[in-house]
Amino acid sequence: MLGMILAAEALAVVGACLGAAIAAIAAGIGIGRIGSSAMEAIARQPESAGDIRSNMIVIAALIEGVALFAVIVCILALFI
């Protein structure tokens, strides 16, 4: 019985680590795509570079917030 409990706790740790890793990777991919699209948009319309850049920063901040929230949830899953 004790072995099953320890195995379940080990699986919880592995699951939390995988969840945090997936959240970080997904955030990196999302921000990379935002940056790529913003640079392409600025190249097409240089006169609207300021608006595009500010929108890019806001969206990147929102993605980072979601990624941080996912990592916090994974960490809390370890202790609850």
PDB file of N, CA and C in Angstrom:
ATOM      1  N   MET A   1       0.817  -1.201   0.000  1.00  0.00           N
ATOM      2  CA  MET A   1       0.000   0.000   0.000  1.00  0.00           C
ATOM      3  C   MET A   1       0.861   1.267   0.000  1.00  0.00           C
ATOM      4  N   LEU A   2       1.910   1.246   0.809  1.00  0.00           N
ATOM      5  CA  LEU A   2       2.789   2.408   0.881  1.00  0.00           C
ATOM      6  C   LEU A   2       3.505   2.630  -0.454  1.00  0.00           C
ATOM      7  N   GLY A   3       3.868   1.540  -1.128  1.00  0.00           N
ATOM      8  CA  GLY A   3       4.520   1.654  -2.424  1.00  0.00           C
ATOM      9  C   GLY A   3       3.631   2.308  -3.461  1.00  0.00           C
ATOM     10  N   MET A   4       2.339   2.027  -3.407  1.00  0.00           N
ATOM     11  CA  MET A   4       1.402   2.631  -4.352  1.00  0.00           C
ATOM     12  C   MET A   4       1.256   4.125  -4.093  1.00  0.00           C
ATOM     13  N   ILE A   5       1.268   4.509  -2.828  1.00  0.00           N
ATOM     14  CA  ILE A   5       1.153   5.927  -2.482  1.00  0.00           C
ATOM     15  C   ILE A   5       2.393   6.678  -2.958  1.00  0.00           C
ATOM     16  N   LEU A   6       3.566   6.089  -2.726  1.00  0.00           N
ATOM     17  CA  LEU A   6       4.801   6.742  -3.176  1.00  0.00           C
ATOM     18  C   LEU A   6       4.867   6.827  -4.697  1.00  0.00           C
ATOM     19  N   ALA A   7       4.384   5.787  -5.373  1.00  0.00           N
ATOM     20  CA  ALA A   7       4.359   5.820  -6.841  1.00  0.00           C
ATOM     21  C   ALA A   7       3.413   6.901  -7.343  1.00  0.00           C
ATOM     22  N   ALA A   8       2.275   7.067  -6.667  1.00  0.00           N
ATOM     23  CA  ALA A   8       1.320   8.102  -7.067  1.00  0.00           C
ATOM     24  C   ALA A   8       1.918   9.490  -6.861  1.00  0.00           C
ATOM     25  N   GLU A   9       2.651   9.676  -5.770  1.00  0.00           N
ATOM     26  CA  GLU A   9       3.290  10.969  -5.533  1.00  0.00           C
ATOM     27  C   GLU A   9       4.376  11.247  -6.569  1.00  0.00           C
ATOM     28  N   ALA A  10       5.109  10.212  -6.948  1.00  0.00           N
ATOM     29  CA  ALA A  10       6.143  10.390  -7.977  1.00  0.00           C
ATOM     30  C   ALA A  10       5.511  10.752  -9.311  1.00  0.00           C
ATOM     31  N   LEU A  11       4.396  10.126  -9.640  1.00  0.00           N
ATOM     32  CA  LEU A  11       3.703  10.468 -10.882  1.00  0.00           C
ATOM     33  C   LEU A  11       3.155  11.887 -10.838  1.00  0.00           C
ATOM     34  N   ALA A  12       2.736  12.333  -9.661  1.00  0.00           N
ATOM     35  CA  ALA A  12       2.253  13.705  -9.534  1.00  0.00           C
ATOM     36  C   ALA A  12       3.381  14.699  -9.789  1.00  0.00           C
ATOM     37  N   VAL A  13       4.571  14.395  -9.291  1.00  0.00           N
ATOM     38  CA  VAL A  13       5.727  15.276  -9.513  1.00  0.00           C
ATOM     39  C   VAL A  13       6.077  15.314 -10.996  1.00  0.00           C
ATOM     40  N   VAL A  14       6.088  14.142 -11.633  1.00  0.00           N
ATOM     41  CA  VAL A  14       6.404  14.086 -13.061  1.00  0.00           C
ATOM     42  C   VAL A  14       5.344  14.841 -13.867  1.00  0.00           C
ATOM     43  N   GLY A  15       4.080  14.665 -13.512  1.00  0.00           N
ATOM     44  CA  GLY A  15       3.001  15.369 -14.216  1.00  0.00           C
ATOM     45  C   GLY A  15       3.091  16.873 -14.056  1.00  0.00           C
ATOM     46  N   ALA A  16       3.422  17.329 -12.857  1.00  0.00           N
ATOM     47  CA  ALA A  16       3.550  18.771 -12.634  1.00  0.00           C
ATOM     48  C   ALA A  16       4.724  19.340 -13.414  1.00  0.00           C
ATOM     49  N   CYS A  17       5.830  18.606 -13.454  1.00  0.00           N
ATOM     50  CA  CYS A  17       6.989  19.070 -14.221  1.00  0.00           C
ATOM     51  C   CYS A  17       6.681  19.110 -15.713  1.00  0.00           C
ATOM     52  N   LEU A  18       5.996  18.103 -16.206  1.00  0.00           N
ATOM     53  CA  LEU A  18       5.615  18.100 -17.624  1.00  0.00           C
ATOM     54  C   LEU A  18       4.648  19.237 -17.939  1.00  0.00           C
ATOM     55  N   GLY A  19       3.717  19.482 -17.041  1.00  0.00           N
ATOM     56  CA  GLY A  19       2.778  20.581 -17.260  1.00  0.00           C
ATOM     57  C   GLY A  19       3.473  21.931 -17.307  1.00  0.00           C
ATOM     58  N   ALA A  20       4.419  22.152 -16.399  1.00  0.00           N
ATOM     59  CA  ALA A  20       5.170  23.409 -16.398  1.00  0.00           C
ATOM     60  C   ALA A  20       6.016  23.537 -17.659  1.00  0.00           C
ATOM     61  N   ALA A  21       6.615  22.429 -18.093  1.00  0.00           N
ATOM     62  CA  ALA A  21       7.439  22.466 -19.304  1.00  0.00           C
ATOM     63  C   ALA A  21       6.598  22.758 -20.539  1.00  0.00           C
ATOM     64  N   ILE A  22       5.445  22.141 -20.637  1.00  0.00           N
ATOM     65  CA  ILE A  22       4.563  22.382 -21.784  1.00  0.00           C
ATOM     66  C   ILE A  22       4.089  23.830 -21.805  1.00  0.00           C
ATOM     67  N   ALA A  23       3.763  24.369 -20.628  1.00  0.00           N
ATOM     68  CA  ALA A  23       3.327  25.765 -20.561  1.00  0.00           C
ATOM     69  C   ALA A  23       4.440  26.712 -20.999  1.00  0.00           C
ATOM     70  N   ALA A  24       5.665  26.453 -20.570  1.00  0.00           N
ATOM     71  CA  ALA A  24       6.785  27.316 -20.952  1.00  0.00           C
ATOM     72  C   ALA A  24       7.079  27.216 -22.446  1.00  0.00           C
ATOM     73  N   ILE A  25       7.057  26.005 -22.982  1.00  0.00           N
ATOM     74  CA  ILE A  25       7.317  25.822 -24.412  1.00  0.00           C
ATOM     75  C   ILE A  25       6.235  26.491 -25.244  1.00  0.00           C
ATOM     76  N   ALA A  26       4.983  26.312 -24.850  1.00  0.00           N
ATOM     77  CA  ALA A  26       3.877  26.918 -25.599  1.00  0.00           C
ATOM     78  C   ALA A  26       3.955  28.444 -25.555  1.00  0.00           C
ATOM     79  N   ALA A  27       4.334  29.006 -24.414  1.00  0.00           N
ATOM     80  CA  ALA A  27       4.473  30.459 -24.326  1.00  0.00           C
ATOM     81  C   ALA A  27       5.599  30.956 -25.230  1.00  0.00           C
ATOM     82  N   GLY A  28       6.699  30.224 -25.258  1.00  0.00           N
ATOM     83  CA  GLY A  28       7.805  30.601 -26.145  1.00  0.00           C
ATOM     84  C   GLY A  28       7.414  30.559 -27.608  1.00  0.00           C
ATOM     85  N   ILE A  29       6.692  29.521 -27.997  1.00  0.00           N
ATOM     86  CA  ILE A  29       6.223  29.419 -29.384  1.00  0.00           C
ATOM     87  C   ILE A  29       5.258  30.550 -29.707  1.00  0.00           C
ATOM     88  N   GLY A  30       4.342  30.836 -28.791  1.00  0.00           N
ATOM     89  CA  GLY A  30       3.363  31.902 -29.019  1.00  0.00           C
ATOM     90  C   GLY A  30       4.009  33.265 -29.157  1.00  0.00           C
ATOM     91  N   ILE A  31       4.963  33.569 -28.293  1.00  0.00           N
ATOM     92  CA  ILE A  31       5.624  34.869 -28.368  1.00  0.00           C
ATOM     93  C   ILE A  31       6.488  34.951 -29.624  1.00  0.00           C
ATOM     94  N   GLY A  32       7.096  33.849 -30.010  1.00  0.00           N
ATOM     95  CA  GLY A  32       7.869  33.831 -31.247  1.00  0.00           C
ATOM     96  C   GLY A  32       7.006  34.113 -32.463  1.00  0.00           C
ATOM     97  N   ARG A  33       5.823  33.517 -32.488  1.00  0.00           N
ATOM     98  CA  ARG A  33       4.920  33.759 -33.613  1.00  0.00           C
ATOM     99  C   ARG A  33       4.408  35.195 -33.613  1.00  0.00           C
ATOM    100  N   ILE A  34       4.166  35.745 -32.434  1.00  0.00           N
ATOM    101  CA  ILE A  34       3.730  37.142 -32.357  1.00  0.00           C
ATOM    102  C   ILE A  34       4.824  38.065 -32.895  1.00  0.00           C
ATOM    103  N   GLY A  35       6.063  37.831 -32.451  1.00  0.00           N
ATOM    104  CA  GLY A  35       7.175  38.661 -32.921  1.00  0.00           C
ATOM    105  C   GLY A  35       7.373  38.555 -34.418  1.00  0.00           C
ATOM    106  N   SER A  36       7.271  37.346 -34.937  1.00  0.00           N
ATOM    107  CA  SER A  36       7.433  37.145 -36.376  1.00  0.00           C
ATOM    108  C   SER A  36       6.347  37.871 -37.164  1.00  0.00           C
ATOM    109  N   SER A  37       5.114  37.723 -36.715  1.00  0.00           N
ATOM    110  CA  SER A  37       4.003  38.380 -37.410  1.00  0.00           C
ATOM    111  C   SER A  37       4.095  39.896 -37.308  1.00  0.00           C
ATOM    112  N   ALA A  38       4.536  40.381 -36.142  1.00  0.00           N
ATOM    113  CA  ALA A  38       4.653  41.831 -35.977  1.00  0.00           C
ATOM    114  C   ALA A  38       5.748  42.394 -36.879  1.00  0.00           C
ATOM    115  N   MET A  39       6.870  41.700 -36.976  1.00  0.00           N
ATOM    116  CA  MET A  39       7.943  42.185 -37.843  1.00  0.00           C
ATOM    117  C   MET A  39       7.518  42.173 -39.313  1.00  0.00           C
ATOM    118  N   GLU A  40       6.764  41.165 -39.696  1.00  0.00           N
ATOM    119  CA  GLU A  40       6.250  41.106 -41.065  1.00  0.00           C
ATOM    120  C   GLU A  40       5.269  42.254 -41.330  1.00  0.00           C
ATOM    121  N   ALA A  41       4.412  42.528 -40.340  1.00  0.00           N
ATOM    122  CA  ALA A  41       3.447  43.613 -40.498  1.00  0.00           C
ATOM    123  C   ALA A  41       4.149  44.971 -40.562  1.00  0.00           C
ATOM    124  N   ILE A  42       5.196  45.146 -39.746  1.00  0.00           N
ATOM    125  CA  ILE A  42       5.942  46.406 -39.780  1.00  0.00           C
ATOM    126  C   ILE A  42       6.668  46.563 -41.113  1.00  0.00           C
ATOM    127  N   ALA A  43       7.155  45.450 -41.662  1.00  0.00           N
ATOM    128  CA  ALA A  43       7.839  45.523 -42.962  1.00  0.00           C
ATOM    129  C   ALA A  43       6.856  45.915 -44.061  1.00  0.00           C
ATOM    130  N   ARG A  44       5.617  45.486 -43.932  1.00  0.00           N
ATOM    131  CA  ARG A  44       4.624  45.824 -44.963  1.00  0.00           C
ATOM    132  C   ARG A  44       4.108  47.250 -44.824  1.00  0.00           C
ATOM    133  N   GLN A  45       3.935  47.702 -43.569  1.00  0.00           N
ATOM    134  CA  GLN A  45       3.424  49.050 -43.329  1.00  0.00           C
ATOM    135  C   GLN A  45       4.275  49.744 -42.262  1.00  0.00           C
ATOM    136  N   PRO A  46       5.385  50.304 -42.650  1.00  0.00           N
ATOM    137  CA  PRO A  46       6.289  50.921 -41.665  1.00  0.00           C
ATOM    138  C   PRO A  46       5.674  52.114 -40.929  1.00  0.00           C
ATOM    139  N   GLU A  47       4.691  52.744 -41.541  1.00  0.00           N
ATOM    140  CA  GLU A  47       4.091  53.921 -40.889  1.00  0.00           C
ATOM    141  C   GLU A  47       3.266  53.566 -39.660  1.00  0.00           C
ATOM    142  N   SER A  48       2.858  52.319 -39.531  1.00  0.00           N
ATOM    143  CA  SER A  48       2.073  51.920 -38.354  1.00  0.00           C
ATOM    144  C   SER A  48       2.901  51.067 -37.390  1.00  0.00           C
ATOM    145  N   ALA A  49       4.207  51.268 -37.381  1.00  0.00           N
ATOM    146  CA  ALA A  49       5.100  50.463 -36.544  1.00  0.00           C
ATOM    147  C   ALA A  49       4.815  50.661 -35.057  1.00  0.00           C
ATOM    148  N   GLY A  50       4.503  51.873 -34.654  1.00  0.00           N
ATOM    149  CA  GLY A  50       4.239  52.147 -33.238  1.00  0.00           C
ATOM    150  C   GLY A  50       3.029  51.397 -32.716  1.00  0.00           C
ATOM    151  N   ASP A  51       1.947  51.422 -33.489  1.00  0.00           N
ATOM    152  CA  ASP A  51       0.733  50.717 -33.073  1.00  0.00           C
ATOM    153  C   ASP A  51       0.951  49.214 -33.036  1.00  0.00           C
ATOM    154  N   ILE A  52       1.643  48.700 -34.042  1.00  0.00           N
ATOM    155  CA  ILE A  52       1.887  47.257 -34.100  1.00  0.00           C
ATOM    156  C   ILE A  52       2.764  46.831 -32.935  1.00  0.00           C
ATOM    157  N   ARG A  53       3.796  47.605 -32.644  1.00  0.00           N
ATOM    158  CA  ARG A  53       4.710  47.271 -31.557  1.00  0.00           C
ATOM    159  C   ARG A  53       3.997  47.287 -30.207  1.00  0.00           C
ATOM    160  N   SER A  54       3.159  48.283 -29.977  1.00  0.00           N
ATOM    161  CA  SER A  54       2.463  48.350 -28.683  1.00  0.00           C
ATOM    162  C   SER A  54       1.464  47.207 -28.538  1.00  0.00           C
ATOM    163  N   ASN A  55       0.778  46.870 -29.616  1.00  0.00           N
ATOM    164  CA  ASN A  55      -0.135  45.729 -29.549  1.00  0.00           C
ATOM    165  C   ASN A  55       0.624  44.420 -29.326  1.00  0.00           C
ATOM    166  N   MET A  56       1.785  44.303 -29.945  1.00  0.00           N
ATOM    167  CA  MET A  56       2.600  43.102 -29.768  1.00  0.00           C
ATOM    168  C   MET A  56       3.037  42.957 -28.313  1.00  0.00           C
ATOM    169  N   ILE A  57       3.425  44.035 -27.686  1.00  0.00           N
ATOM    170  CA  ILE A  57       3.874  43.986 -26.294  1.00  0.00           C
ATOM    171  C   ILE A  57       2.725  43.602 -25.372  1.00  0.00           C
ATOM    172  N   VAL A  58       1.535  44.129 -25.613  1.00  0.00           N
ATOM    173  CA  VAL A  58       0.374  43.792 -24.784  1.00  0.00           C
ATOM    174  C   VAL A  58       0.028  42.312 -24.925  1.00  0.00           C
ATOM    175  N   ILE A  59       0.009  41.816 -26.142  1.00  0.00           N
ATOM    176  CA  ILE A  59      -0.340  40.417 -26.359  1.00  0.00           C
ATOM    177  C   ILE A  59       0.730  39.497 -25.771  1.00  0.00           C
ATOM    178  N   ALA A  60       2.000  39.855 -25.908  1.00  0.00           N
ATOM    179  CA  ALA A  60       3.070  39.048 -25.324  1.00  0.00           C
ATOM    180  C   ALA A  60       2.953  39.016 -23.797  1.00  0.00           C
ATOM    181  N   ALA A  61       2.579  40.136 -23.201  1.00  0.00           N
ATOM    182  CA  ALA A  61       2.396  40.169 -21.745  1.00  0.00           C
ATOM    183  C   ALA A  61       1.240  39.267 -21.319  1.00  0.00           C
ATOM    184  N   LEU A  62       0.172  39.260 -22.104  1.00  0.00           N
ATOM    185  CA  LEU A  62      -0.954  38.373 -21.775  1.00  0.00           C
ATOM    186  C   LEU A  62      -0.548  36.907 -21.880  1.00  0.00           C
ATOM    187  N   ILE A  63       0.233  36.568 -22.878  1.00  0.00           N
ATOM    188  CA  ILE A  63       0.685  35.179 -23.016  1.00  0.00           C
ATOM    189  C   ILE A  63       1.599  34.807 -21.851  1.00  0.00           C
ATOM    190  N   GLU A  64       2.482  35.695 -21.464  1.00  0.00           N
ATOM    191  CA  GLU A  64       3.359  35.423 -20.323  1.00  0.00           C
ATOM    192  C   GLU A  64       2.541  35.244 -19.045  1.00  0.00           C
ATOM    193  N   GLY A  65       1.481  36.025 -18.887  1.00  0.00           N
ATOM    194  CA  GLY A  65       0.623  35.873 -17.719  1.00  0.00           C
ATOM    195  C   GLY A  65      -0.050  34.517 -17.673  1.00  0.00           C
ATOM    196  N   VAL A  66      -0.534  34.060 -18.814  1.00  0.00           N
ATOM    197  CA  VAL A  66      -1.174  32.748 -18.868  1.00  0.00           C
ATOM    198  C   VAL A  66      -0.155  31.650 -18.592  1.00  0.00           C
ATOM    199  N   ALA A  67       1.051  31.788 -19.132  1.00  0.00           N
ATOM    200  CA  ALA A  67       2.092  30.792 -18.896  1.00  0.00           C
ATOM    201  C   ALA A  67       2.492  30.764 -17.421  1.00  0.00           C
ATOM    202  N   LEU A  68       2.622  31.921 -16.812  1.00  0.00           N
ATOM    203  CA  LEU A  68       2.948  31.970 -15.389  1.00  0.00           C
ATOM    204  C   LEU A  68       1.842  31.341 -14.557  1.00  0.00           C
ATOM    205  N   PHE A  69       0.605  31.603 -14.909  1.00  0.00           N
ATOM    206  CA  PHE A  69      -0.523  30.999 -14.203  1.00  0.00           C
ATOM    207  C   PHE A  69      -0.480  29.480 -14.323  1.00  0.00           C
ATOM    208  N   ALA A  70      -0.161  28.966 -15.511  1.00  0.00           N
ATOM    209  CA  ALA A  70      -0.087  27.512 -15.706  1.00  0.00           C
ATOM    210  C   ALA A  70       1.040  26.909 -14.878  1.00  0.00           C
ATOM    211  N   VAL A  71       2.176  27.578 -14.811  1.00  0.00           N
ATOM    212  CA  VAL A  71       3.290  27.070 -14.010  1.00  0.00           C
ATOM    213  C   VAL A  71       2.936  27.086 -12.526  1.00  0.00           C
ATOM    214  N   ILE A  72       2.265  28.127 -12.063  1.00  0.00           N
ATOM    215  CA  ILE A  72       1.848  28.198 -10.659  1.00  0.00           C
ATOM    216  C   ILE A  72       0.871  27.075 -10.334  1.00  0.00           C
ATOM    217  N   VAL A  73      -0.057  26.800 -11.237  1.00  0.00           N
ATOM    218  CA  VAL A  73      -1.005  25.703 -11.017  1.00  0.00           C
ATOM    219  C   VAL A  73      -0.273  24.367 -10.928  1.00  0.00           C
ATOM    220  N   CYS A  74       0.730  24.180 -11.784  1.00  0.00           N
ATOM    221  CA  CYS A  74       1.518  22.940 -11.732  1.00  0.00           C
ATOM    222  C   CYS A  74       2.280  22.826 -10.421  1.00  0.00           C
ATOM    223  N   ILE A  75       2.823  23.934  -9.943  1.00  0.00           N
ATOM    224  CA  ILE A  75       3.543  23.899  -8.672  1.00  0.00           C
ATOM    225  C   ILE A  75       2.574  23.633  -7.524  1.00  0.00           C
ATOM    226  N   LEU A  76       1.414  24.248  -7.562  1.00  0.00           N
ATOM    227  CA  LEU A  76       0.430  23.999  -6.506  1.00  0.00           C
ATOM    228  C   LEU A  76      -0.059  22.553  -6.518  1.00  0.00           C
ATOM    229  N   ALA A  77      -0.073  21.937  -7.680  1.00  0.00           N
ATOM    230  CA  ALA A  77      -0.496  20.536  -7.766  1.00  0.00           C
ATOM    231  C   ALA A  77       0.454  19.628  -6.997  1.00  0.00           C
ATOM    232  N   LEU A  78       1.684  20.058  -6.829  1.00  0.00           N
ATOM    233  CA  LEU A  78       2.642  19.264  -6.064  1.00  0.00           C
ATOM    234  C   LEU A  78       2.330  19.244  -4.573  1.00  0.00           C
ATOM    235  N   PHE A  79       1.810  20.347  -4.069  1.00  0.00           N
ATOM    236  CA  PHE A  79       1.650  20.497  -2.640  1.00  0.00           C
ATOM    237  C   PHE A  79       0.235  20.277  -2.136  1.00  0.00           C
ATOM    238  N   ILE A  80      -0.716  20.174  -3.019  1.00  0.00           N
ATOM    239  CA  ILE A  80      -2.110  19.987  -2.581  1.00  0.00           C
ATOM    240  C   ILE A  80      -2.536  18.566  -2.840  1.00  0.00           C
TER     241      ILE A  80
END
